[in-house]
Amino acid sequence: MSIPVIIDCDPGLDDAVALFMAFASDELDIKAVTVVAGNQTIDKTSKNARDLVAFAGGKCRVSVGASKPLLRELSTAEFVHGDTGLKNIVLPRADFDFSKEKPHEIIYEEALKNEGKIHIIALGPLTNIAAALLLHPDLKEKIGHITLMGGSCYLGNHTPAAEFNIFVDPEAAKIVFESGIDLTMVGLDVTNRAMVFEDEIEEFFNLGNRVSRTVGEILLSSLDFVREFGFEGVPMHDPFAMASVIEPDLMETKQYHVDVETRGVHTSGKTVVDVYNVRGLRPNASVGVDLSREGFVRLLKRLMKKYGE
């Protein structure tokens, strides 16, 4: 039986691959795609999301959400994702309109409709999710699970301490982690190792369909950038978070208590993961600690192949 999901994202090159995976998967029943500012401004991430859904043949609502964090000015990742958010990738314009409903309305509606089984897959800053929780105090009892790409037990990728998605809106992340909702954190500890190597990229072009070729182009365009930071392949952050929902056995998790730093001069946005339980607090998240890279790449190829069938 497929999992009812809402995908909250800020496309973004790796968001694009994750969305392609989701719409090819029989394991997911996608109720809506909600969009937040993050990798780029909301006008660009929302356009990208709508065009990506259309390109993948998806049939769901796309809703435009928060244009800035709850309390802060927006920081974007233009240096990674380019001026459009999709670098050199050009997609056909979608032929449908954005939903008139806001993300918080859709999240609440679907949570009620699916009787506590809705699974939110959050691939960007957590502003939309936190706003929904603030506007609907009873929502936390009605969401089945949240899987989020964000955070890290150890190092950051936007600052020495903080991963980008959490850094952009740490106050929102704090609300989500403290909500009591069942939560899985898919952070840099695993996503930095969910790599596609150069000799594997050609296989996506060889699959011979327009989506797989676009994935190949995304991987190639990302390769030179990540090599500057010593990576041997392209880390697939959001796609691995998506993969962990589609095929849970790909990731090993451990139960930890996670706090979010909101006030540190050098550490704002850091997920403080109590690996050794030194504070004796009850765990509030399943945290990804290990993965099958080969299994992930196999899944990615299998899903992209489906677009040619």
C-alpha atoms as a PDB file:
ATOM      1  CA  MET A   1       0.000   0.000   0.000  1.00  0.00           C
ATOM      2  CA  SER A   2       1.425   3.396  -0.970  1.00  0.00           C
ATOM      3  CA  ILE A   3       2.288   6.054   1.623  1.00  0.00           C
ATOM      4  CA  PRO A   4       0.299   9.311   1.457  1.00  0.00           C
ATOM      5  CA  VAL A   5       2.908  12.084   1.288  1.00  0.00           C
ATOM      6  CA  ILE A   6       3.272  15.832   0.990  1.00  0.00           C
ATOM      7  CA  ILE A   7       6.606  16.962  -0.421  1.00  0.00           C
ATOM      8  CA  ASP A   8       7.797  20.334   0.892  1.00  0.00           C
ATOM      9  CA  CYS A   9      10.735  21.598  -1.158  1.00  0.00           C
ATOM     10  CA  ASP A  10      12.791  24.510  -2.505  1.00  0.00           C
ATOM     11  CA  PRO A  11      13.961  23.371  -5.977  1.00  0.00           C
ATOM     12  CA  GLY A  12      17.079  23.324  -6.335  1.00  0.00           C
ATOM     13  CA  LEU A  13      19.029  20.812  -8.401  1.00  0.00           C
ATOM     14  CA  ASP A  14      18.900  17.958  -5.924  1.00  0.00           C
ATOM     15  CA  ASP A  15      15.233  18.691  -5.160  1.00  0.00           C
ATOM     16  CA  ALA A  16      14.599  18.155  -8.876  1.00  0.00           C
ATOM     17  CA  VAL A  17      16.077  14.654  -8.772  1.00  0.00           C
ATOM     18  CA  ALA A  18      14.137  13.872  -5.584  1.00  0.00           C
ATOM     19  CA  LEU A  19      10.860  14.955  -7.199  1.00  0.00           C
ATOM     20  CA  PHE A  20      11.570  12.804 -10.256  1.00  0.00           C
ATOM     21  CA  MET A  21      12.141   9.861  -7.924  1.00  0.00           C
ATOM     22  CA  ALA A  22       8.907  10.496  -6.049  1.00  0.00           C
ATOM     23  CA  PHE A  23       6.699  10.639  -9.138  1.00  0.00           C
ATOM     24  CA  ALA A  24       8.214   7.427 -10.501  1.00  0.00           C
ATOM     25  CA  SER A  25       7.684   5.537  -7.250  1.00  0.00           C
ATOM     26  CA  ASP A  26       4.761   3.185  -6.663  1.00  0.00           C
ATOM     27  CA  GLU A  27       5.500   3.378  -2.942  1.00  0.00           C
ATOM     28  CA  LEU A  28       4.340   7.005  -2.636  1.00  0.00           C
ATOM     29  CA  ASP A  29       0.914   8.574  -3.092  1.00  0.00           C
ATOM     30  CA  ILE A  30       1.757  12.253  -3.601  1.00  0.00           C
ATOM     31  CA  LYS A  31      -1.033  14.473  -2.321  1.00  0.00           C
ATOM     32  CA  ALA A  32       0.671  17.838  -2.885  1.00  0.00           C
ATOM     33  CA  VAL A  33       3.961  19.610  -3.437  1.00  0.00           C
ATOM     34  CA  THR A  34       4.386  22.672  -1.224  1.00  0.00           C
ATOM     35  CA  VAL A  35       7.137  25.171  -1.915  1.00  0.00           C
ATOM     36  CA  VAL A  36       9.351  27.283   0.318  1.00  0.00           C
ATOM     37  CA  ALA A  37      12.114  29.807  -0.338  1.00  0.00           C
ATOM     38  CA  GLY A  38      15.591  28.435   0.294  1.00  0.00           C
ATOM     39  CA  ASN A  39      17.891  27.430  -2.527  1.00  0.00           C
ATOM     40  CA  GLN A  40      16.431  30.413  -4.365  1.00  0.00           C
ATOM     41  CA  THR A  41      13.717  33.010  -3.820  1.00  0.00           C
ATOM     42  CA  ILE A  42      10.102  31.829  -3.699  1.00  0.00           C
ATOM     43  CA  ASP A  43       9.229  33.054  -7.205  1.00  0.00           C
ATOM     44  CA  LYS A  44      11.993  30.854  -8.614  1.00  0.00           C
ATOM     45  CA  THR A  45      11.553  27.788  -6.388  1.00  0.00           C
ATOM     46  CA  SER A  46       7.797  27.754  -6.978  1.00  0.00           C
ATOM     47  CA  LYS A  47       8.177  28.058 -10.765  1.00  0.00           C
ATOM     48  CA  ASN A  48      10.755  25.271 -10.682  1.00  0.00           C
ATOM     49  CA  ALA A  49       8.522  23.039  -8.567  1.00  0.00           C
ATOM     50  CA  ARG A  50       5.538  23.454 -10.880  1.00  0.00           C
ATOM     51  CA  ASP A  51       7.634  22.861 -14.009  1.00  0.00           C
ATOM     52  CA  LEU A  52       9.296  19.803 -12.451  1.00  0.00           C
ATOM     53  CA  VAL A  53       5.959  18.261 -11.462  1.00  0.00           C
ATOM     54  CA  ALA A  54       4.655  18.792 -14.989  1.00  0.00           C
ATOM     55  CA  PHE A  55       7.858  17.441 -16.563  1.00  0.00           C
ATOM     56  CA  ALA A  56       7.575  14.285 -14.442  1.00  0.00           C
ATOM     57  CA  GLY A  57       3.923  13.861 -15.428  1.00  0.00           C
ATOM     58  CA  GLY A  58       2.732  14.446 -11.871  1.00  0.00           C
ATOM     59  CA  LYS A  59      -0.916  15.182 -11.083  1.00  0.00           C
ATOM     60  CA  CYS A  60      -1.087  16.987  -7.755  1.00  0.00           C
ATOM     61  CA  ARG A  61      -1.502  20.433  -6.274  1.00  0.00           C
ATOM     62  CA  VAL A  62       1.532  22.727  -6.152  1.00  0.00           C
ATOM     63  CA  SER A  63       1.233  25.389  -3.467  1.00  0.00           C
ATOM     64  CA  VAL A  64       3.386  28.508  -3.004  1.00  0.00           C
ATOM     65  CA  GLY A  65       4.524  28.945   0.576  1.00  0.00           C
ATOM     66  CA  ALA A  66       6.838  31.062   2.704  1.00  0.00           C
ATOM     67  CA  SER A  67       8.980  33.669   0.961  1.00  0.00           C
ATOM     68  CA  LYS A  68      11.259  34.141   3.972  1.00  0.00           C
ATOM     69  CA  PRO A  69      12.088  32.461   7.286  1.00  0.00           C
ATOM     70  CA  LEU A  70       9.921  32.994  10.362  1.00  0.00           C
ATOM     71  CA  LEU A  71      12.175  35.596  11.979  1.00  0.00           C
ATOM     72  CA  ARG A  72      15.153  36.143   9.688  1.00  0.00           C
ATOM     73  CA  GLU A  73      16.091  37.477   6.299  1.00  0.00           C
ATOM     74  CA  LEU A  74      16.363  34.862   3.571  1.00  0.00           C
ATOM     75  CA  SER A  75      19.734  33.318   2.720  1.00  0.00           C
ATOM     76  CA  THR A  76      19.853  31.524  -0.649  1.00  0.00           C
ATOM     77  CA  ALA A  77      22.297  29.105  -2.270  1.00  0.00           C
ATOM     78  CA  GLU A  78      22.642  30.794  -5.648  1.00  0.00           C
ATOM     79  CA  PHE A  79      26.336  29.900  -5.664  1.00  0.00           C
ATOM     80  CA  VAL A  80      25.314  26.230  -5.858  1.00  0.00           C
ATOM     81  CA  HIS A  81      22.056  26.280  -7.827  1.00  0.00           C
ATOM     82  CA  GLY A  82      22.547  29.284 -10.087  1.00  0.00           C
ATOM     83  CA  ASP A  83      20.358  32.275 -10.813  1.00  0.00           C
ATOM     84  CA  THR A  84      17.255  30.243 -11.696  1.00  0.00           C
ATOM     85  CA  GLY A  85      17.708  27.585  -9.008  1.00  0.00           C
ATOM     86  CA  LEU A  86      18.228  24.921 -11.682  1.00  0.00           C
ATOM     87  CA  LYS A  87      21.519  26.240 -13.065  1.00  0.00           C
ATOM     88  CA  ASN A  88      21.644  25.392 -16.787  1.00  0.00           C
ATOM     89  CA  ILE A  89      18.573  23.114 -16.804  1.00  0.00           C
ATOM     90  CA  VAL A  90      15.683  24.533 -18.852  1.00  0.00           C
ATOM     91  CA  LEU A  91      12.276  22.859 -18.535  1.00  0.00           C
ATOM     92  CA  PRO A  92       9.051  23.338 -20.505  1.00  0.00           C
ATOM     93  CA  ARG A  93       6.599  25.673 -18.799  1.00  0.00           C
ATOM     94  CA  ALA A  94       3.879  23.862 -16.856  1.00  0.00           C
ATOM     95  CA  ASP A  95       0.353  24.144 -18.249  1.00  0.00           C
ATOM     96  CA  PHE A  96      -1.461  24.338 -14.899  1.00  0.00           C
ATOM     97  CA  ASP A  97      -1.849  26.991 -12.188  1.00  0.00           C
ATOM     98  CA  PHE A  98      -0.671  26.998  -8.600  1.00  0.00           C
ATOM     99  CA  SER A  99      -3.150  25.922  -5.970  1.00  0.00           C
ATOM    100  CA  LYS A 100      -5.105  28.728  -4.333  1.00  0.00           C
ATOM    101  CA  GLU A 101      -4.654  26.958  -0.990  1.00  0.00           C
ATOM    102  CA  LYS A 102      -1.593  27.763   1.100  1.00  0.00           C
ATOM    103  CA  PRO A 103       0.743  25.015   2.359  1.00  0.00           C
ATOM    104  CA  HIS A 104      -0.560  25.190   5.928  1.00  0.00           C
ATOM    105  CA  GLU A 105      -4.117  24.673   4.651  1.00  0.00           C
ATOM    106  CA  ILE A 106      -3.130  21.730   2.470  1.00  0.00           C
ATOM    107  CA  ILE A 107      -1.063  20.105   5.211  1.00  0.00           C
ATOM    108  CA  TYR A 108      -3.936  20.377   7.694  1.00  0.00           C
ATOM    109  CA  GLU A 109      -6.520  19.209   5.183  1.00  0.00           C
ATOM    110  CA  GLU A 110      -4.495  16.161   4.114  1.00  0.00           C
ATOM    111  CA  ALA A 111      -3.587  15.301   7.708  1.00  0.00           C
ATOM    112  CA  LEU A 112      -7.289  15.147   8.557  1.00  0.00           C
ATOM    113  CA  LYS A 113      -8.263  13.324   5.387  1.00  0.00           C
ATOM    114  CA  ASN A 114      -5.584  10.660   5.819  1.00  0.00           C
ATOM    115  CA  GLU A 115      -6.389  10.080   9.498  1.00  0.00           C
ATOM    116  CA  GLY A 116      -2.945  10.489  10.988  1.00  0.00           C
ATOM    117  CA  LYS A 117      -1.051   8.675   8.231  1.00  0.00           C
ATOM    118  CA  ILE A 118       0.224  11.618   6.190  1.00  0.00           C
ATOM    119  CA  HIS A 119       4.009  11.607   5.789  1.00  0.00           C
ATOM    120  CA  ILE A 120       5.700  14.936   5.119  1.00  0.00           C
ATOM    121  CA  ILE A 121       8.971  14.770   3.194  1.00  0.00           C
ATOM    122  CA  ALA A 122      10.711  18.095   3.834  1.00  0.00           C
ATOM    123  CA  LEU A 123      13.595  18.883   1.483  1.00  0.00           C
ATOM    124  CA  GLY A 124      14.152  22.570   2.264  1.00  0.00           C
ATOM    125  CA  PRO A 125      13.990  24.996   5.182  1.00  0.00           C
ATOM    126  CA  LEU A 126      11.206  24.015   7.569  1.00  0.00           C
ATOM    127  CA  THR A 127       9.301  27.311   7.473  1.00  0.00           C
ATOM    128  CA  ASN A 128       6.092  25.943   5.913  1.00  0.00           C
ATOM    129  CA  ILE A 129       5.948  23.035   8.348  1.00  0.00           C
ATOM    130  CA  ALA A 130       6.544  25.245  11.384  1.00  0.00           C
ATOM    131  CA  ALA A 131       3.939  27.755  10.177  1.00  0.00           C
ATOM    132  CA  ALA A 132       1.376  24.957   9.824  1.00  0.00           C
ATOM    133  CA  LEU A 133       2.111  23.799  13.377  1.00  0.00           C
ATOM    134  CA  LEU A 134       1.783  27.344  14.728  1.00  0.00           C
ATOM    135  CA  LEU A 135      -1.468  28.034  12.876  1.00  0.00           C
ATOM    136  CA  HIS A 136      -3.023  24.651  13.699  1.00  0.00           C
ATOM    137  CA  PRO A 137      -1.997  23.667  17.256  1.00  0.00           C
ATOM    138  CA  ASP A 138      -3.769  20.292  16.984  1.00  0.00           C
ATOM    139  CA  LEU A 139      -1.877  19.362  13.814  1.00  0.00           C
ATOM    140  CA  LYS A 140       0.981  17.651  15.636  1.00  0.00           C
ATOM    141  CA  GLU A 141      -1.384  14.858  16.706  1.00  0.00           C
ATOM    142  CA  LYS A 142      -2.547  14.373  13.099  1.00  0.00           C
ATOM    143  CA  ILE A 143       0.747  13.976  11.200  1.00  0.00           C
ATOM    144  CA  GLY A 144       2.066  10.435  10.966  1.00  0.00           C
ATOM    145  CA  HIS A 145       5.722  11.182  10.270  1.00  0.00           C
ATOM    146  CA  ILE A 146       8.142  13.827   9.015  1.00  0.00           C
ATOM    147  CA  THR A 147      11.280  12.892   7.118  1.00  0.00           C
ATOM    148  CA  LEU A 148      13.531  15.891   6.656  1.00  0.00           C
ATOM    149  CA  MET A 149      16.730  16.468   4.770  1.00  0.00           C
ATOM    150  CA  GLY A 150      18.739  18.667   7.082  1.00  0.00           C
ATOM    151  CA  GLY A 151      21.190  18.893   9.907  1.00  0.00           C
ATOM    152  CA  SER A 152      24.207  16.850  10.850  1.00  0.00           C
ATOM    153  CA  CYS A 153      25.651  15.171  13.903  1.00  0.00           C
ATOM    154  CA  TYR A 154      29.002  16.760  13.237  1.00  0.00           C
ATOM    155  CA  LEU A 155      30.023  19.196  10.466  1.00  0.00           C
ATOM    156  CA  GLY A 156      28.014  21.707   8.432  1.00  0.00           C
ATOM    157  CA  ASN A 157      28.042  22.566   4.741  1.00  0.00           C
ATOM    158  CA  HIS A 158      26.881  26.194   4.778  1.00  0.00           C
ATOM    159  CA  THR A 159      28.882  27.207   7.832  1.00  0.00           C
ATOM    160  CA  PRO A 160      31.454  25.082   9.671  1.00  0.00           C
ATOM    161  CA  ALA A 161      28.692  24.141  12.115  1.00  0.00           C
ATOM    162  CA  ALA A 162      25.399  24.256  10.207  1.00  0.00           C
ATOM    163  CA  GLU A 163      23.769  22.457   7.290  1.00  0.00           C
ATOM    164  CA  PHE A 164      22.041  24.852   4.858  1.00  0.00           C
ATOM    165  CA  ASN A 165      18.354  23.948   5.323  1.00  0.00           C
ATOM    166  CA  ILE A 166      18.515  24.282   9.099  1.00  0.00           C
ATOM    167  CA  PHE A 167      20.714  27.390   8.890  1.00  0.00           C
ATOM    168  CA  VAL A 168      18.171  29.239   6.749  1.00  0.00           C
ATOM    169  CA  ASP A 169      15.410  28.972   9.367  1.00  0.00           C
ATOM    170  CA  PRO A 170      16.657  27.555  12.662  1.00  0.00           C
ATOM    171  CA  GLU A 171      13.613  28.852  14.565  1.00  0.00           C
ATOM    172  CA  ALA A 172      11.340  26.840  12.284  1.00  0.00           C
ATOM    173  CA  ALA A 173      13.541  23.772  12.678  1.00  0.00           C
ATOM    174  CA  LYS A 174      13.420  24.123  16.453  1.00  0.00           C
ATOM    175  CA  ILE A 175       9.594  24.147  16.354  1.00  0.00           C
ATOM    176  CA  VAL A 176       9.550  20.986  14.239  1.00  0.00           C
ATOM    177  CA  PHE A 177      12.080  19.081  16.353  1.00  0.00           C
ATOM    178  CA  GLU A 178      10.222  20.030  19.542  1.00  0.00           C
ATOM    179  CA  SER A 179       6.768  19.170  18.136  1.00  0.00           C
ATOM    180  CA  GLY A 180       6.700  15.574  19.343  1.00  0.00           C
ATOM    181  CA  ILE A 181       5.901  14.312  15.833  1.00  0.00           C
ATOM    182  CA  ASP A 182       7.713  11.120  14.787  1.00  0.00           C
ATOM    183  CA  LEU A 183      10.710  12.482  12.943  1.00  0.00           C
ATOM    184  CA  THR A 184      13.561  11.176  10.825  1.00  0.00           C
ATOM    185  CA  MET A 185      16.565  13.425  10.236  1.00  0.00           C
ATOM    186  CA  VAL A 186      18.417  12.596   7.042  1.00  0.00           C
ATOM    187  CA  GLY A 187      21.486  14.763   7.488  1.00  0.00           C
ATOM    188  CA  LEU A 188      24.938  15.240   6.037  1.00  0.00           C
ATOM    189  CA  ASP A 189      26.218  12.208   7.958  1.00  0.00           C
ATOM    190  CA  VAL A 190      24.538  10.072   5.299  1.00  0.00           C
ATOM    191  CA  THR A 191      23.768  12.395   2.382  1.00  0.00           C
ATOM    192  CA  ASN A 192      27.415  13.374   1.906  1.00  0.00           C
ATOM    193  CA  ARG A 193      28.047   9.672   1.259  1.00  0.00           C
ATOM    194  CA  ALA A 194      25.051   9.138  -1.036  1.00  0.00           C
ATOM    195  CA  MET A 195      27.268   9.874  -4.012  1.00  0.00           C
ATOM    196  CA  VAL A 196      26.918   9.200  -7.695  1.00  0.00           C
ATOM    197  CA  PHE A 197      30.374   8.790  -9.226  1.00  0.00           C
ATOM    198  CA  GLU A 198      31.459  10.088 -12.606  1.00  0.00           C
ATOM    199  CA  ASP A 199      31.544   6.634 -14.217  1.00  0.00           C
ATOM    200  CA  GLU A 200      27.897   6.109 -13.148  1.00  0.00           C
ATOM    201  CA  ILE A 201      26.564   9.361 -14.600  1.00  0.00           C
ATOM    202  CA  GLU A 202      26.717   8.175 -18.218  1.00  0.00           C
ATOM    203  CA  GLU A 203      24.264   5.393 -17.369  1.00  0.00           C
ATOM    204  CA  PHE A 204      21.511   7.966 -16.804  1.00  0.00           C
ATOM    205  CA  PHE A 205      21.984   9.333 -20.322  1.00  0.00           C
ATOM    206  CA  ASN A 206      21.934   5.781 -21.671  1.00  0.00           C
ATOM    207  CA  LEU A 207      18.498   5.107 -20.167  1.00  0.00           C
ATOM    208  CA  GLY A 208      17.231   7.155 -23.077  1.00  0.00           C
ATOM    209  CA  ASN A 209      14.297   9.133 -21.712  1.00  0.00           C
ATOM    210  CA  ARG A 210      13.997  12.864 -21.142  1.00  0.00           C
ATOM    211  CA  VAL A 211      13.836  12.666 -17.348  1.00  0.00           C
ATOM    212  CA  SER A 212      16.867  10.381 -17.015  1.00  0.00           C
ATOM    213  CA  ARG A 213      18.812  12.644 -19.406  1.00  0.00           C
ATOM    214  CA  THR A 214      17.898  15.659 -17.269  1.00  0.00           C
ATOM    215  CA  VAL A 215      19.156  13.815 -14.192  1.00  0.00           C
ATOM    216  CA  GLY A 216      22.399  13.110 -16.070  1.00  0.00           C
ATOM    217  CA  GLU A 217      22.713  16.812 -16.900  1.00  0.00           C
ATOM    218  CA  ILE A 218      22.107  17.778 -13.264  1.00  0.00           C
ATOM    219  CA  LEU A 219      24.778  15.343 -12.091  1.00  0.00           C
ATOM    220  CA  LEU A 220      27.308  16.548 -14.655  1.00  0.00           C
ATOM    221  CA  SER A 221      26.665  20.218 -13.881  1.00  0.00           C
ATOM    222  CA  SER A 222      27.176  19.532 -10.167  1.00  0.00           C
ATOM    223  CA  LEU A 223      30.340  17.456 -10.487  1.00  0.00           C
ATOM    224  CA  ASP A 224      32.899  20.226 -10.993  1.00  0.00           C
ATOM    225  CA  PHE A 225      31.425  22.270  -8.146  1.00  0.00           C
ATOM    226  CA  VAL A 226      31.557  19.487  -5.551  1.00  0.00           C
ATOM    227  CA  ARG A 227      35.076  18.473  -6.568  1.00  0.00           C
ATOM    228  CA  GLU A 228      36.264  21.852  -5.286  1.00  0.00           C
ATOM    229  CA  PHE A 229      35.324  20.574  -1.824  1.00  0.00           C
ATOM    230  CA  GLY A 230      37.098  17.232  -2.218  1.00  0.00           C
ATOM    231  CA  PHE A 231      34.120  15.044  -3.160  1.00  0.00           C
ATOM    232  CA  GLU A 232      34.835  12.171  -5.548  1.00  0.00           C
ATOM    233  CA  GLY A 233      31.216  12.088  -6.702  1.00  0.00           C
ATOM    234  CA  VAL A 234      28.023  14.154  -6.482  1.00  0.00           C
ATOM    235  CA  PRO A 235      26.350  13.945  -3.048  1.00  0.00           C
ATOM    236  CA  MET A 236      22.606  13.465  -3.479  1.00  0.00           C
ATOM    237  CA  HIS A 237      21.183  15.163  -0.391  1.00  0.00           C
ATOM    238  CA  ASP A 238      17.464  15.478  -1.142  1.00  0.00           C
ATOM    239  CA  PRO A 239      17.333  12.360  -3.358  1.00  0.00           C
ATOM    240  CA  PHE A 240      18.689  10.217  -0.547  1.00  0.00           C
ATOM    241  CA  ALA A 241      16.094  11.620   1.861  1.00  0.00           C
ATOM    242  CA  MET A 242      13.462  10.644  -0.692  1.00  0.00           C
ATOM    243  CA  ALA A 243      15.072   7.219  -1.119  1.00  0.00           C
ATOM    244  CA  SER A 244      14.946   6.623   2.644  1.00  0.00           C
ATOM    245  CA  VAL A 245      11.140   6.864   2.512  1.00  0.00           C
ATOM    246  CA  ILE A 246      10.745   4.790  -0.658  1.00  0.00           C
ATOM    247  CA  GLU A 247      13.164   2.072   0.496  1.00  0.00           C
ATOM    248  CA  PRO A 248      13.777   2.432   4.261  1.00  0.00           C
ATOM    249  CA  ASP A 249      16.336  -0.387   4.427  1.00  0.00           C
ATOM    250  CA  LEU A 250      18.826   1.848   2.579  1.00  0.00           C
ATOM    251  CA  MET A 251      19.506   3.842   5.763  1.00  0.00           C
ATOM    252  CA  GLU A 252      20.500   2.869   9.285  1.00  0.00           C
ATOM    253  CA  THR A 253      19.215   5.187  11.996  1.00  0.00           C
ATOM    254  CA  LYS A 254      19.817   5.728  15.692  1.00  0.00           C
ATOM    255  CA  GLN A 255      17.546   7.390  18.215  1.00  0.00           C
ATOM    256  CA  TYR A 256      18.973  10.676  19.507  1.00  0.00           C
ATOM    257  CA  HIS A 257      17.811  13.879  21.130  1.00  0.00           C
ATOM    258  CA  VAL A 258      18.328  16.784  18.732  1.00  0.00           C
ATOM    259  CA  ASP A 259      18.273  20.468  19.656  1.00  0.00           C
ATOM    260  CA  VAL A 260      18.642  23.355  17.219  1.00  0.00           C
ATOM    261  CA  GLU A 261      20.965  26.254  18.001  1.00  0.00           C
ATOM    262  CA  THR A 262      19.273  29.584  17.250  1.00  0.00           C
ATOM    263  CA  ARG A 263      21.497  32.105  19.027  1.00  0.00           C
ATOM    264  CA  GLY A 264      25.110  31.065  18.555  1.00  0.00           C
ATOM    265  CA  VAL A 265      27.472  33.562  16.945  1.00  0.00           C
ATOM    266  CA  HIS A 266      29.359  30.804  15.116  1.00  0.00           C
ATOM    267  CA  THR A 267      26.879  27.942  15.472  1.00  0.00           C
ATOM    268  CA  SER A 268      23.441  29.295  14.516  1.00  0.00           C
ATOM    269  CA  GLY A 269      21.510  26.579  12.709  1.00  0.00           C
ATOM    270  CA  LYS A 270      23.540  23.712  14.100  1.00  0.00           C
ATOM    271  CA  THR A 271      21.646  20.560  15.013  1.00  0.00           C
ATOM    272  CA  VAL A 272      23.017  19.604  18.411  1.00  0.00           C
ATOM    273  CA  VAL A 273      22.759  15.812  18.391  1.00  0.00           C
ATOM    274  CA  ASP A 274      23.299  14.200  21.790  1.00  0.00           C
ATOM    275  CA  VAL A 275      25.139  11.148  20.446  1.00  0.00           C
ATOM    276  CA  TYR A 276      26.307   9.969  23.878  1.00  0.00           C
ATOM    277  CA  ASN A 277      23.104  10.970  25.713  1.00  0.00           C
ATOM    278  CA  VAL A 278      25.078  13.149  28.094  1.00  0.00           C
ATOM    279  CA  ARG A 279      21.942  15.167  28.948  1.00  0.00           C
ATOM    280  CA  GLY A 280      19.795  12.113  29.603  1.00  0.00           C
ATOM    281  CA  LEU A 281      16.914  13.457  27.508  1.00  0.00           C
ATOM    282  CA  ARG A 282      14.413  11.304  25.674  1.00  0.00           C
ATOM    283  CA  PRO A 283      15.236  10.913  21.951  1.00  0.00           C
ATOM    284  CA  ASN A 284      13.084  13.042  19.642  1.00  0.00           C
ATOM    285  CA  ALA A 285      14.415  11.896  16.256  1.00  0.00           C
ATOM    286  CA  SER A 286      15.622   8.920  14.280  1.00  0.00           C
ATOM    287  CA  VAL A 287      18.917  10.140  12.850  1.00  0.00           C
ATOM    288  CA  GLY A 288      20.527   8.660   9.755  1.00  0.00           C
ATOM    289  CA  VAL A 289      24.000   7.338  10.556  1.00  0.00           C
ATOM    290  CA  ASP A 290      24.833   4.871   7.764  1.00  0.00           C
ATOM    291  CA  LEU A 291      23.605   3.901   4.301  1.00  0.00           C
ATOM    292  CA  SER A 292      23.957   1.619   1.325  1.00  0.00           C
ATOM    293  CA  ARG A 293      25.375   3.863  -1.405  1.00  0.00           C
ATOM    294  CA  GLU A 294      25.164   1.086  -3.987  1.00  0.00           C
ATOM    295  CA  GLY A 295      21.559   0.371  -3.046  1.00  0.00           C
ATOM    296  CA  PHE A 296      20.694   4.043  -3.399  1.00  0.00           C
ATOM    297  CA  VAL A 297      22.228   4.284  -6.878  1.00  0.00           C
ATOM    298  CA  ARG A 298      20.376   1.114  -7.921  1.00  0.00           C
ATOM    299  CA  LEU A 299      17.091   2.619  -6.747  1.00  0.00           C
ATOM    300  CA  LEU A 300      17.782   5.900  -8.539  1.00  0.00           C
ATOM    301  CA  LYS A 301      18.490   4.069 -11.805  1.00  0.00           C
ATOM    302  CA  ARG A 302      15.404   1.863 -11.424  1.00  0.00           C
ATOM    303  CA  LEU A 303      13.131   4.849 -10.897  1.00  0.00           C
ATOM    304  CA  MET A 304      14.608   6.864 -13.760  1.00  0.00           C
ATOM    305  CA  LYS A 305      14.269   3.862 -16.090  1.00  0.00           C
ATOM    306  CA  LYS A 306      10.502   3.859 -15.443  1.00  0.00           C
ATOM    307  CA  TYR A 307      10.114   7.145 -17.338  1.00  0.00           C
ATOM    308  CA  GLY A 308      11.000   5.295 -20.532  1.00  0.00           C
ATOM    309  CA  GLU A 309       8.524   2.473 -20.046  1.00  0.00           C
END
